[in-house]
Amino acid sequence: MRTLLAAAILTWASTTAVTQQRDLNSFWTQDLNSGTFWYSPCKAFLTGQGDLPDTFRKGECGGIVETVAYLASFLPLDVRSCPPTGSTTGQAVRIVVSFLEAHPERLHEDFTDLAMEALRQAWPCVKGDRGK
């Protein structure tokens, strides 16, 4: 009985290790700056769902989008966006996710650039406007 139990545990452990290694390898071969990589965590940010890695990454998505929204109001007018007073990080992430869904052919592009463009389209500035 002990031999059977030991064999079962050994089989389970080796299978789990192989699966975890495969998941880790696929993670590191992704473009971590692409819209493809950030789409799922940003969607999870909005829905509150997602697996454990998404829990951390959805917070990162919120932070990236919030930073882009803040800094974009200080850029040259042709690339600036001006979030309205009282806008939230959730609203900004929703704009970015909607943009990614509307442009799946661009998901390979840099996520920060895509977020900046999405916010600029949604919250354009008028000359001299700095937002906030």
Foldseek 3Di string as FASTA:
>chain_A
DVVVVVVVVVVVVVVVVVVVVVVVVVVVVDDCQFLVNLLVLLVCLQVVDDDDVSVVSVVVLLVLLVVLLLCLLVDPQVQRFADAPPDDSSVLSVLLNVQCVVCVVRRRDGSSSSSSVSRCVVGHDDPPDSHD
